[in-house]
Amino acid sequence: MNAGYIILIIIGTAALAAFLVFVSTALALKQILKPRKRQPDELIAHEKDVKIFSDEWLQVPCETWERVSRYGYDVTGYYYDFGFDRIMVCLHGHNSSHISQLKYMDMFRSLGFDVFVPDHRHAGNSGGDTVTMGAKEKWDVIDWLQVIRERRPGKKISVFGESMGAATAIMVAAIDGRLGYLIEYCGYANFKGLLARYFKSERARSFFYKYLKFVVKTVYRFDPDECDAEKAMKQISCPVLIIHSESDETVPFENASILRKAKPDARIKTFKAARHACSIKTYHDEFVETIGQFIEDAEEEQKKNEKTR
């Protein structure tokens, strides 16, 4: 066998290996970016088992709002009108739905808020064929904010997010400068922040991220750079509360440190021993008290600023 054939075999083998790695990565990402939608009964069972849930929350009257996303699919949101002059928009996490936000609906109702909870794309009763980790979700939320202002004029809007919803909330707050305040709960800083659970080395994360970005853009048609909550955090002008558990293995605590560094004047509350997005269960009273105090302080500061203008 001459050298030319050997070279062709080597090149062909390398190309096949690269293709197989690419396909394997795309299939692995499918579990994250195109998961099977969890049904309401599954989510309720999960909330009861891992977090907190009351069947009474399902009976709270709400308005179901529907519209077409700027991306062409139908989206659904739920407005809980309790007659307050403040609205908290609650954003759910990955492969969840508005059902996971009912515990926060109950909490914010007790704190004096109307509550709006949208189903993100590819979740709940909304369409969309993939999850984009905030890249497109943030624009759906931005458009929901416009709808809320049209239907509930004069009410002050703030935003709360859990996990992927927290990262999305940060990106939303960077775009919409009219929000009262932002409460981000166990969110990630960026795609590289999500890789922290797999790669301890920043160099390894950066190397793999470049490859991951290529696969995501090629197969799932969005740019992971558009999910950069760290960058967005630097552009936020409203008061910010960061909540995270030091024991979070899904979105490592390092993400909270990155976000705090991006906005040094943000208030941060850490919990020691809660699983991902479970601080509200493990430290329920302290969790609610922390949010209530932050809101009180933020609004007091805003009143002072308004008087000095």
C-alpha atoms as a PDB file:
ATOM      1  CA  MET A   1       0.000   0.000   0.000  1.00  0.00           C
ATOM      2  CA  ASN A   2       1.522   3.315  -1.050  1.00  0.00           C
ATOM      3  CA  ALA A   3       1.780   6.426   1.089  1.00  0.00           C
ATOM      4  CA  GLY A   4      -1.119   8.147  -0.700  1.00  0.00           C
ATOM      5  CA  TYR A   5      -3.614   5.446   0.301  1.00  0.00           C
ATOM      6  CA  ILE A   6      -2.363   5.481   3.876  1.00  0.00           C
ATOM      7  CA  ILE A   7      -2.831   9.230   4.082  1.00  0.00           C
ATOM      8  CA  LEU A   8      -6.367   8.933   2.650  1.00  0.00           C
ATOM      9  CA  ILE A   9      -7.224   6.236   5.202  1.00  0.00           C
ATOM     10  CA  ILE A  10      -5.906   8.395   8.048  1.00  0.00           C
ATOM     11  CA  ILE A  11      -7.824  11.434   6.830  1.00  0.00           C
ATOM     12  CA  GLY A  12     -10.993   9.401   6.299  1.00  0.00           C
ATOM     13  CA  THR A  13     -10.741   7.815   9.742  1.00  0.00           C
ATOM     14  CA  ALA A  14     -10.159  11.190  11.385  1.00  0.00           C
ATOM     15  CA  ALA A  15     -13.121  12.715   9.513  1.00  0.00           C
ATOM     16  CA  LEU A  16     -15.387   9.837  10.530  1.00  0.00           C
ATOM     17  CA  ALA A  17     -14.271  10.120  14.146  1.00  0.00           C
ATOM     18  CA  ALA A  18     -14.917  13.884  14.122  1.00  0.00           C
ATOM     19  CA  PHE A  19     -18.353  13.336  12.591  1.00  0.00           C
ATOM     20  CA  LEU A  20     -19.245  10.732  15.211  1.00  0.00           C
ATOM     21  CA  VAL A  21     -18.129  13.040  18.013  1.00  0.00           C
ATOM     22  CA  PHE A  22     -20.193  15.867  16.508  1.00  0.00           C
ATOM     23  CA  VAL A  23     -23.291  13.673  16.239  1.00  0.00           C
ATOM     24  CA  SER A  24     -22.805  12.328  19.780  1.00  0.00           C
ATOM     25  CA  THR A  25     -22.529  15.852  21.148  1.00  0.00           C
ATOM     26  CA  ALA A  26     -25.617  16.995  19.247  1.00  0.00           C
ATOM     27  CA  LEU A  27     -27.599  14.033  20.602  1.00  0.00           C
ATOM     28  CA  ALA A  28     -26.398  14.698  24.142  1.00  0.00           C
ATOM     29  CA  LEU A  29     -27.443  18.341  23.829  1.00  0.00           C
ATOM     30  CA  LYS A  30     -30.855  17.252  22.568  1.00  0.00           C
ATOM     31  CA  GLN A  31     -31.727  16.131  26.091  1.00  0.00           C
ATOM     32  CA  ILE A  32     -31.166  19.708  27.228  1.00  0.00           C
ATOM     33  CA  LEU A  33     -32.229  21.781  24.233  1.00  0.00           C
ATOM     34  CA  LYS A  34     -35.057  19.628  22.913  1.00  0.00           C
ATOM     35  CA  PRO A  35     -36.294  17.619  25.892  1.00  0.00           C
ATOM     36  CA  ARG A  36     -39.619  15.861  26.103  1.00  0.00           C
ATOM     37  CA  LYS A  37     -42.070  18.294  27.657  1.00  0.00           C
ATOM     38  CA  ARG A  38     -43.021  17.294  31.166  1.00  0.00           C
ATOM     39  CA  GLN A  39     -46.771  17.103  31.682  1.00  0.00           C
ATOM     40  CA  PRO A  40     -48.612  18.941  34.480  1.00  0.00           C
ATOM     41  CA  ASP A  41     -49.063  15.806  36.592  1.00  0.00           C
ATOM     42  CA  GLU A  42     -45.339  15.062  36.326  1.00  0.00           C
ATOM     43  CA  LEU A  43     -44.411  18.587  37.390  1.00  0.00           C
ATOM     44  CA  ILE A  44     -46.873  18.570  40.276  1.00  0.00           C
ATOM     45  CA  ALA A  45     -45.490  15.235  41.498  1.00  0.00           C
ATOM     46  CA  HIS A  46     -41.933  16.603  41.235  1.00  0.00           C
ATOM     47  CA  GLU A  47     -42.828  19.775  43.129  1.00  0.00           C
ATOM     48  CA  LYS A  48     -44.494  17.766  45.899  1.00  0.00           C
ATOM     49  CA  ASP A  49     -41.597  15.327  46.135  1.00  0.00           C
ATOM     50  CA  VAL A  50     -38.602  17.649  45.866  1.00  0.00           C
ATOM     51  CA  LYS A  51     -39.888  21.150  46.600  1.00  0.00           C
ATOM     52  CA  ILE A  52     -43.221  22.420  47.933  1.00  0.00           C
ATOM     53  CA  PHE A  53     -46.670  22.415  46.426  1.00  0.00           C
ATOM     54  CA  SER A  54     -50.266  22.878  47.500  1.00  0.00           C
ATOM     55  CA  ASP A  55     -53.215  21.715  45.417  1.00  0.00           C
ATOM     56  CA  GLU A  56     -55.024  24.858  46.573  1.00  0.00           C
ATOM     57  CA  TRP A  57     -52.756  26.938  44.331  1.00  0.00           C
ATOM     58  CA  LEU A  58     -54.306  25.306  41.282  1.00  0.00           C
ATOM     59  CA  GLN A  59     -57.671  26.733  42.326  1.00  0.00           C
ATOM     60  CA  VAL A  60     -56.495  30.354  42.510  1.00  0.00           C
ATOM     61  CA  PRO A  61     -58.322  32.255  39.734  1.00  0.00           C
ATOM     62  CA  CYS A  62     -56.160  33.591  36.927  1.00  0.00           C
ATOM     63  CA  GLU A  63     -56.457  35.006  33.436  1.00  0.00           C
ATOM     64  CA  THR A  64     -54.926  32.918  30.645  1.00  0.00           C
ATOM     65  CA  TRP A  65     -53.242  35.148  28.082  1.00  0.00           C
ATOM     66  CA  GLU A  66     -52.248  33.861  24.661  1.00  0.00           C
ATOM     67  CA  ARG A  67     -50.407  35.449  21.766  1.00  0.00           C
ATOM     68  CA  VAL A  68     -47.995  34.642  18.954  1.00  0.00           C
ATOM     69  CA  SER A  69     -44.291  34.993  19.667  1.00  0.00           C
ATOM     70  CA  ARG A  70     -42.108  37.144  17.419  1.00  0.00           C
ATOM     71  CA  TYR A  71     -40.588  33.789  16.416  1.00  0.00           C
ATOM     72  CA  GLY A  72     -43.893  32.440  15.122  1.00  0.00           C
ATOM     73  CA  TYR A  73     -45.059  29.977  17.788  1.00  0.00           C
ATOM     74  CA  ASP A  74     -47.895  30.387  20.286  1.00  0.00           C
ATOM     75  CA  VAL A  75     -47.033  31.405  23.850  1.00  0.00           C
ATOM     76  CA  THR A  76     -49.184  31.318  26.964  1.00  0.00           C
ATOM     77  CA  GLY A  77     -49.024  33.256  30.217  1.00  0.00           C
ATOM     78  CA  TYR A  78     -51.081  33.384  33.408  1.00  0.00           C
ATOM     79  CA  TYR A  79     -52.034  36.591  35.188  1.00  0.00           C
ATOM     80  CA  TYR A  80     -53.036  36.447  38.850  1.00  0.00           C
ATOM     81  CA  ASP A  81     -54.851  39.675  39.634  1.00  0.00           C
ATOM     82  CA  PHE A  82     -54.976  40.259  43.386  1.00  0.00           C
ATOM     83  CA  GLY A  83     -55.737  43.956  43.081  1.00  0.00           C
ATOM     84  CA  PHE A  84     -52.272  45.262  43.985  1.00  0.00           C
ATOM     85  CA  ASP A  85     -50.418  48.093  42.251  1.00  0.00           C
ATOM     86  CA  ARG A  86     -47.264  45.988  41.816  1.00  0.00           C
ATOM     87  CA  ILE A  87     -46.656  43.028  39.517  1.00  0.00           C
ATOM     88  CA  MET A  88     -44.017  40.323  39.871  1.00  0.00           C
ATOM     89  CA  VAL A  89     -43.199  38.445  36.677  1.00  0.00           C
ATOM     90  CA  CYS A  90     -41.999  34.962  37.663  1.00  0.00           C
ATOM     91  CA  LEU A  91     -39.868  33.006  35.203  1.00  0.00           C
ATOM     92  CA  HIS A  92     -39.572  29.239  35.503  1.00  0.00           C
ATOM     93  CA  GLY A  93     -36.554  27.041  34.955  1.00  0.00           C
ATOM     94  CA  HIS A  94     -35.501  24.501  32.357  1.00  0.00           C
ATOM     95  CA  ASN A  95     -38.084  21.955  31.159  1.00  0.00           C
ATOM     96  CA  SER A  96     -40.653  23.180  33.647  1.00  0.00           C
ATOM     97  CA  SER A  97     -43.725  25.417  33.339  1.00  0.00           C
ATOM     98  CA  HIS A  98     -45.814  27.963  35.213  1.00  0.00           C
ATOM     99  CA  ILE A  99     -46.762  25.163  37.631  1.00  0.00           C
ATOM    100  CA  SER A 100     -43.339  25.318  39.286  1.00  0.00           C
ATOM    101  CA  GLN A 101     -43.891  29.023  39.926  1.00  0.00           C
ATOM    102  CA  LEU A 102     -47.109  28.637  41.890  1.00  0.00           C
ATOM    103  CA  LYS A 103     -45.147  28.520  45.157  1.00  0.00           C
ATOM    104  CA  TYR A 104     -43.718  31.926  44.282  1.00  0.00           C
ATOM    105  CA  MET A 105     -47.155  33.165  43.209  1.00  0.00           C
ATOM    106  CA  ASP A 106     -48.343  32.357  46.721  1.00  0.00           C
ATOM    107  CA  MET A 107     -45.305  34.039  48.275  1.00  0.00           C
ATOM    108  CA  PHE A 108     -45.531  37.215  46.203  1.00  0.00           C
ATOM    109  CA  ARG A 109     -49.278  37.418  46.805  1.00  0.00           C
ATOM    110  CA  SER A 110     -48.483  37.523  50.532  1.00  0.00           C
ATOM    111  CA  LEU A 111     -45.963  40.295  49.844  1.00  0.00           C
ATOM    112  CA  GLY A 112     -48.513  42.444  47.978  1.00  0.00           C
ATOM    113  CA  PHE A 113     -48.032  41.632  44.293  1.00  0.00           C
ATOM    114  CA  ASP A 114     -50.127  40.632  41.350  1.00  0.00           C
ATOM    115  CA  VAL A 115     -48.246  37.820  39.606  1.00  0.00           C
ATOM    116  CA  PHE A 116     -47.683  36.984  35.944  1.00  0.00           C
ATOM    117  CA  VAL A 117     -46.153  33.626  34.979  1.00  0.00           C
ATOM    118  CA  PRO A 118     -45.429  32.805  31.327  1.00  0.00           C
ATOM    119  CA  ASP A 119     -44.714  29.358  29.969  1.00  0.00           C
ATOM    120  CA  HIS A 120     -41.385  29.683  28.154  1.00  0.00           C
ATOM    121  CA  ARG A 121     -40.953  28.325  24.631  1.00  0.00           C
ATOM    122  CA  HIS A 122     -41.042  24.510  24.456  1.00  0.00           C
ATOM    123  CA  ALA A 123     -42.639  24.405  27.906  1.00  0.00           C
ATOM    124  CA  GLY A 124     -46.116  24.087  29.339  1.00  0.00           C
ATOM    125  CA  ASN A 125     -48.737  25.330  26.895  1.00  0.00           C
ATOM    126  CA  SER A 126     -46.305  27.349  24.771  1.00  0.00           C
ATOM    127  CA  GLY A 127     -44.891  26.266  21.418  1.00  0.00           C
ATOM    128  CA  GLY A 128     -41.358  26.394  20.098  1.00  0.00           C
ATOM    129  CA  ASP A 129     -39.323  23.366  19.120  1.00  0.00           C
ATOM    130  CA  THR A 130     -36.283  23.950  21.334  1.00  0.00           C
ATOM    131  CA  VAL A 131     -35.115  25.462  24.596  1.00  0.00           C
ATOM    132  CA  THR A 132     -32.540  28.201  23.975  1.00  0.00           C
ATOM    133  CA  MET A 133     -31.435  28.818  27.585  1.00  0.00           C
ATOM    134  CA  GLY A 134     -32.560  32.445  27.511  1.00  0.00           C
ATOM    135  CA  ALA A 135     -31.406  33.455  24.023  1.00  0.00           C
ATOM    136  CA  LYS A 136     -34.944  33.626  22.612  1.00  0.00           C
ATOM    137  CA  GLU A 137     -36.847  33.277  25.879  1.00  0.00           C
ATOM    138  CA  LYS A 138     -35.716  36.750  26.921  1.00  0.00           C
ATOM    139  CA  TRP A 139     -37.369  38.337  23.889  1.00  0.00           C
ATOM    140  CA  ASP A 140     -40.601  36.482  24.562  1.00  0.00           C
ATOM    141  CA  VAL A 141     -40.535  37.959  28.077  1.00  0.00           C
ATOM    142  CA  ILE A 142     -39.730  41.441  26.763  1.00  0.00           C
ATOM    143  CA  ASP A 143     -42.814  41.199  24.549  1.00  0.00           C
ATOM    144  CA  TRP A 144     -44.895  39.965  27.493  1.00  0.00           C
ATOM    145  CA  LEU A 145     -43.846  43.069  29.443  1.00  0.00           C
ATOM    146  CA  GLN A 146     -45.298  45.222  26.687  1.00  0.00           C
ATOM    147  CA  VAL A 147     -48.560  43.265  26.850  1.00  0.00           C
ATOM    148  CA  ILE A 148     -48.706  43.667  30.636  1.00  0.00           C
ATOM    149  CA  ARG A 149     -48.176  47.423  30.378  1.00  0.00           C
ATOM    150  CA  GLU A 150     -50.972  47.675  27.841  1.00  0.00           C
ATOM    151  CA  ARG A 151     -53.406  45.581  29.879  1.00  0.00           C
ATOM    152  CA  ARG A 152     -52.402  46.785  33.363  1.00  0.00           C
ATOM    153  CA  PRO A 153     -51.205  50.363  32.812  1.00  0.00           C
ATOM    154  CA  GLY A 154     -49.644  52.193  35.717  1.00  0.00           C
ATOM    155  CA  LYS A 155     -48.572  49.149  37.708  1.00  0.00           C
ATOM    156  CA  LYS A 156     -44.899  48.813  38.633  1.00  0.00           C
ATOM    157  CA  ILE A 157     -43.348  45.638  37.204  1.00  0.00           C
ATOM    158  CA  SER A 158     -40.445  43.681  38.679  1.00  0.00           C
ATOM    159  CA  VAL A 159     -39.034  40.301  37.719  1.00  0.00           C
ATOM    160  CA  PHE A 160     -38.083  37.123  39.569  1.00  0.00           C
ATOM    161  CA  GLY A 161     -36.468  34.080  38.004  1.00  0.00           C
ATOM    162  CA  GLU A 162     -35.464  30.571  39.048  1.00  0.00           C
ATOM    163  CA  SER A 163     -32.489  28.772  37.450  1.00  0.00           C
ATOM    164  CA  MET A 164     -32.766  29.236  33.653  1.00  0.00           C
ATOM    165  CA  GLY A 165     -35.550  31.704  34.445  1.00  0.00           C
ATOM    166  CA  ALA A 166     -33.111  33.632  36.648  1.00  0.00           C
ATOM    167  CA  ALA A 167     -30.536  33.923  33.871  1.00  0.00           C
ATOM    168  CA  THR A 168     -33.338  34.979  31.524  1.00  0.00           C
ATOM    169  CA  ALA A 169     -34.557  37.543  34.066  1.00  0.00           C
ATOM    170  CA  ILE A 170     -31.092  39.083  34.200  1.00  0.00           C
ATOM    171  CA  MET A 171     -31.021  39.433  30.415  1.00  0.00           C
ATOM    172  CA  VAL A 172     -34.525  40.940  30.468  1.00  0.00           C
ATOM    173  CA  ALA A 173     -33.569  43.483  33.132  1.00  0.00           C
ATOM    174  CA  ALA A 174     -30.567  44.535  31.053  1.00  0.00           C
ATOM    175  CA  ILE A 175     -32.858  45.278  28.105  1.00  0.00           C
ATOM    176  CA  ASP A 176     -35.829  46.823  29.935  1.00  0.00           C
ATOM    177  CA  GLY A 177     -34.684  49.702  32.137  1.00  0.00           C
ATOM    178  CA  ARG A 178     -38.147  50.350  33.551  1.00  0.00           C
ATOM    179  CA  LEU A 179     -38.283  47.386  35.933  1.00  0.00           C
ATOM    180  CA  GLY A 180     -38.533  48.040  39.645  1.00  0.00           C
ATOM    181  CA  TYR A 181     -36.038  45.391  40.731  1.00  0.00           C
ATOM    182  CA  LEU A 182     -34.661  41.957  39.909  1.00  0.00           C
ATOM    183  CA  ILE A 183     -34.566  38.866  42.094  1.00  0.00           C
ATOM    184  CA  GLU A 184     -32.419  36.116  40.603  1.00  0.00           C
ATOM    185  CA  TYR A 185     -32.493  32.707  42.261  1.00  0.00           C
ATOM    186  CA  CYS A 186     -29.835  30.057  41.462  1.00  0.00           C
ATOM    187  CA  GLY A 187     -29.214  31.300  37.923  1.00  0.00           C
ATOM    188  CA  TYR A 188     -26.198  30.636  35.727  1.00  0.00           C
ATOM    189  CA  ALA A 189     -23.757  33.284  34.556  1.00  0.00           C
ATOM    190  CA  ASN A 190     -23.374  31.915  31.024  1.00  0.00           C
ATOM    191  CA  PHE A 191     -22.930  28.638  29.154  1.00  0.00           C
ATOM    192  CA  LYS A 192     -19.442  28.280  30.565  1.00  0.00           C
ATOM    193  CA  GLY A 193     -20.939  28.672  34.026  1.00  0.00           C
ATOM    194  CA  LEU A 194     -23.121  25.652  33.354  1.00  0.00           C
ATOM    195  CA  LEU A 195     -20.015  23.681  32.415  1.00  0.00           C
ATOM    196  CA  ALA A 196     -18.543  24.291  35.872  1.00  0.00           C
ATOM    197  CA  ARG A 197     -20.233  21.133  37.139  1.00  0.00           C
ATOM    198  CA  TYR A 198     -18.269  19.096  34.582  1.00  0.00           C
ATOM    199  CA  PHE A 199     -14.958  20.965  34.248  1.00  0.00           C
ATOM    200  CA  LYS A 200     -13.151  22.500  37.222  1.00  0.00           C
ATOM    201  CA  SER A 201     -10.489  24.041  34.981  1.00  0.00           C
ATOM    202  CA  GLU A 202     -11.390  27.375  33.372  1.00  0.00           C
ATOM    203  CA  ARG A 203      -9.074  26.510  30.462  1.00  0.00           C
ATOM    204  CA  ALA A 204     -10.895  23.215  29.846  1.00  0.00           C
ATOM    205  CA  ARG A 205     -14.255  25.002  30.027  1.00  0.00           C
ATOM    206  CA  SER A 206     -13.191  27.643  27.533  1.00  0.00           C
ATOM    207  CA  PHE A 207     -11.842  25.039  25.109  1.00  0.00           C
ATOM    208  CA  PHE A 208     -14.959  22.855  25.264  1.00  0.00           C
ATOM    209  CA  TYR A 209     -17.245  25.884  25.068  1.00  0.00           C
ATOM    210  CA  LYS A 210     -15.855  26.845  21.655  1.00  0.00           C
ATOM    211  CA  TYR A 211     -16.687  23.396  20.334  1.00  0.00           C
ATOM    212  CA  LEU A 212     -20.076  23.371  22.074  1.00  0.00           C
ATOM    213  CA  LYS A 213     -20.913  26.749  20.589  1.00  0.00           C
ATOM    214  CA  PHE A 214     -20.215  25.427  17.085  1.00  0.00           C
ATOM    215  CA  VAL A 215     -22.527  22.428  17.606  1.00  0.00           C
ATOM    216  CA  VAL A 216     -25.324  24.532  19.115  1.00  0.00           C
ATOM    217  CA  LYS A 217     -25.221  27.118  16.335  1.00  0.00           C
ATOM    218  CA  THR A 218     -25.098  24.446  13.630  1.00  0.00           C
ATOM    219  CA  VAL A 219     -27.808  22.115  14.936  1.00  0.00           C
ATOM    220  CA  TYR A 220     -30.025  24.178  17.246  1.00  0.00           C
ATOM    221  CA  ARG A 221     -29.762  27.519  15.465  1.00  0.00           C
ATOM    222  CA  PHE A 222     -28.954  29.906  18.287  1.00  0.00           C
ATOM    223  CA  ASP A 223     -25.778  31.431  19.644  1.00  0.00           C
ATOM    224  CA  PRO A 224     -24.849  30.510  23.247  1.00  0.00           C
ATOM    225  CA  ASP A 225     -23.183  33.918  23.520  1.00  0.00           C
ATOM    226  CA  GLU A 226     -26.737  35.335  23.572  1.00  0.00           C
ATOM    227  CA  CYS A 227     -27.264  33.614  26.942  1.00  0.00           C
ATOM    228  CA  ASP A 228     -24.604  35.654  28.737  1.00  0.00           C
ATOM    229  CA  ALA A 229     -26.182  36.727  32.033  1.00  0.00           C
ATOM    230  CA  GLU A 230     -22.812  37.888  33.375  1.00  0.00           C
ATOM    231  CA  LYS A 231     -22.491  40.438  30.592  1.00  0.00           C
ATOM    232  CA  ALA A 232     -26.128  41.468  30.995  1.00  0.00           C
ATOM    233  CA  MET A 233     -25.728  41.926  34.757  1.00  0.00           C
ATOM    234  CA  LYS A 234     -23.201  44.695  34.157  1.00  0.00           C
ATOM    235  CA  GLN A 235     -25.870  46.690  32.288  1.00  0.00           C
ATOM    236  CA  ILE A 236     -28.614  46.537  34.941  1.00  0.00           C
ATOM    237  CA  SER A 237     -29.531  49.738  36.758  1.00  0.00           C
ATOM    238  CA  CYS A 238     -32.322  48.491  39.047  1.00  0.00           C
ATOM    239  CA  PRO A 239     -31.706  46.950  42.512  1.00  0.00           C
ATOM    240  CA  VAL A 240     -30.706  43.277  42.350  1.00  0.00           C
ATOM    241  CA  LEU A 241     -30.942  40.406  44.835  1.00  0.00           C
ATOM    242  CA  ILE A 242     -28.889  37.260  44.153  1.00  0.00           C
ATOM    243  CA  ILE A 243     -29.924  34.062  45.965  1.00  0.00           C
ATOM    244  CA  HIS A 244     -27.938  30.839  45.708  1.00  0.00           C
ATOM    245  CA  SER A 245     -27.116  27.711  47.694  1.00  0.00           C
ATOM    246  CA  GLU A 246     -23.499  26.851  48.344  1.00  0.00           C
ATOM    247  CA  SER A 247     -24.453  23.177  47.907  1.00  0.00           C
ATOM    248  CA  ASP A 248     -26.007  23.619  44.458  1.00  0.00           C
ATOM    249  CA  GLU A 249     -24.571  20.960  42.151  1.00  0.00           C
ATOM    250  CA  THR A 250     -26.751  21.704  39.122  1.00  0.00           C
ATOM    251  CA  VAL A 251     -25.730  25.349  38.830  1.00  0.00           C
ATOM    252  CA  PRO A 252     -22.580  25.590  40.975  1.00  0.00           C
ATOM    253  CA  PHE A 253     -22.266  28.430  43.483  1.00  0.00           C
ATOM    254  CA  GLU A 254     -19.412  29.831  41.412  1.00  0.00           C
ATOM    255  CA  ASN A 255     -22.092  31.303  39.142  1.00  0.00           C
ATOM    256  CA  ALA A 256     -23.432  33.483  41.961  1.00  0.00           C
ATOM    257  CA  SER A 257     -19.919  34.767  42.641  1.00  0.00           C
ATOM    258  CA  ILE A 258     -19.473  35.659  38.969  1.00  0.00           C
ATOM    259  CA  LEU A 259     -22.806  37.514  38.879  1.00  0.00           C
ATOM    260  CA  ARG A 260     -22.027  39.401  42.096  1.00  0.00           C
ATOM    261  CA  LYS A 261     -18.661  40.447  40.698  1.00  0.00           C
ATOM    262  CA  ALA A 262     -20.436  41.729  37.578  1.00  0.00           C
ATOM    263  CA  LYS A 263     -22.666  43.923  39.774  1.00  0.00           C
ATOM    264  CA  PRO A 264     -20.881  44.651  43.064  1.00  0.00           C
ATOM    265  CA  ASP A 265     -23.792  46.654  44.499  1.00  0.00           C
ATOM    266  CA  ALA A 266     -26.159  43.673  44.197  1.00  0.00           C
ATOM    267  CA  ARG A 267     -27.381  42.206  47.472  1.00  0.00           C
ATOM    268  CA  ILE A 268     -26.540  38.526  47.876  1.00  0.00           C
ATOM    269  CA  LYS A 269     -28.048  35.877  50.135  1.00  0.00           C
ATOM    270  CA  THR A 270     -26.491  32.426  50.341  1.00  0.00           C
ATOM    271  CA  PHE A 271     -27.861  29.268  51.876  1.00  0.00           C
ATOM    272  CA  LYS A 272     -25.621  26.449  53.010  1.00  0.00           C
ATOM    273  CA  ALA A 273     -27.208  23.088  52.449  1.00  0.00           C
ATOM    274  CA  ALA A 274     -30.046  23.285  49.916  1.00  0.00           C
ATOM    275  CA  ARG A 275     -30.215  21.434  46.618  1.00  0.00           C
ATOM    276  CA  HIS A 276     -30.687  23.330  43.370  1.00  0.00           C
ATOM    277  CA  ALA A 277     -33.741  25.614  43.589  1.00  0.00           C
ATOM    278  CA  CYS A 278     -34.731  24.091  46.940  1.00  0.00           C
ATOM    279  CA  SER A 279     -33.761  26.898  49.323  1.00  0.00           C
ATOM    280  CA  ILE A 280     -37.405  27.992  49.449  1.00  0.00           C
ATOM    281  CA  LYS A 281     -38.193  24.562  50.947  1.00  0.00           C
ATOM    282  CA  THR A 282     -35.142  24.009  53.139  1.00  0.00           C
ATOM    283  CA  TYR A 283     -35.050  27.563  54.497  1.00  0.00           C
ATOM    284  CA  HIS A 284     -38.608  28.663  53.745  1.00  0.00           C
ATOM    285  CA  ASP A 285     -39.140  31.373  56.375  1.00  0.00           C
ATOM    286  CA  GLU A 286     -35.669  32.854  55.902  1.00  0.00           C
ATOM    287  CA  PHE A 287     -36.097  32.745  52.120  1.00  0.00           C
ATOM    288  CA  VAL A 288     -39.381  34.689  52.242  1.00  0.00           C
ATOM    289  CA  GLU A 289     -38.031  37.106  54.846  1.00  0.00           C
ATOM    290  CA  THR A 290     -34.943  37.795  52.703  1.00  0.00           C
ATOM    291  CA  ILE A 291     -37.041  38.661  49.663  1.00  0.00           C
ATOM    292  CA  GLY A 292     -39.502  40.721  51.683  1.00  0.00           C
ATOM    293  CA  GLN A 293     -36.715  42.768  53.281  1.00  0.00           C
ATOM    294  CA  PHE A 294     -34.990  43.323  49.940  1.00  0.00           C
ATOM    295  CA  ILE A 295     -38.216  44.604  48.393  1.00  0.00           C
ATOM    296  CA  GLU A 296     -38.868  46.896  51.350  1.00  0.00           C
ATOM    297  CA  ASP A 297     -35.343  48.329  51.237  1.00  0.00           C
ATOM    298  CA  ALA A 298     -35.333  48.699  47.444  1.00  0.00           C
ATOM    299  CA  GLU A 299     -38.618  50.578  47.403  1.00  0.00           C
ATOM    300  CA  GLU A 300     -37.545  52.807  50.282  1.00  0.00           C
ATOM    301  CA  GLU A 301     -34.353  53.683  48.416  1.00  0.00           C
ATOM    302  CA  GLN A 302     -36.321  54.418  45.247  1.00  0.00           C
ATOM    303  CA  LYS A 303     -38.632  56.758  47.174  1.00  0.00           C
ATOM    304  CA  LYS A 304     -35.624  58.644  48.522  1.00  0.00           C
ATOM    305  CA  ASN A 305     -34.157  58.981  45.038  1.00  0.00           C
ATOM    306  CA  GLU A 306     -37.446  60.281  43.671  1.00  0.00           C
ATOM    307  CA  LYS A 307     -37.605  62.967  46.381  1.00  0.00           C
ATOM    308  CA  THR A 308     -34.114  64.225  45.547  1.00  0.00           C
ATOM    309  CA  ARG A 309     -34.785  64.574  41.807  1.00  0.00           C
END
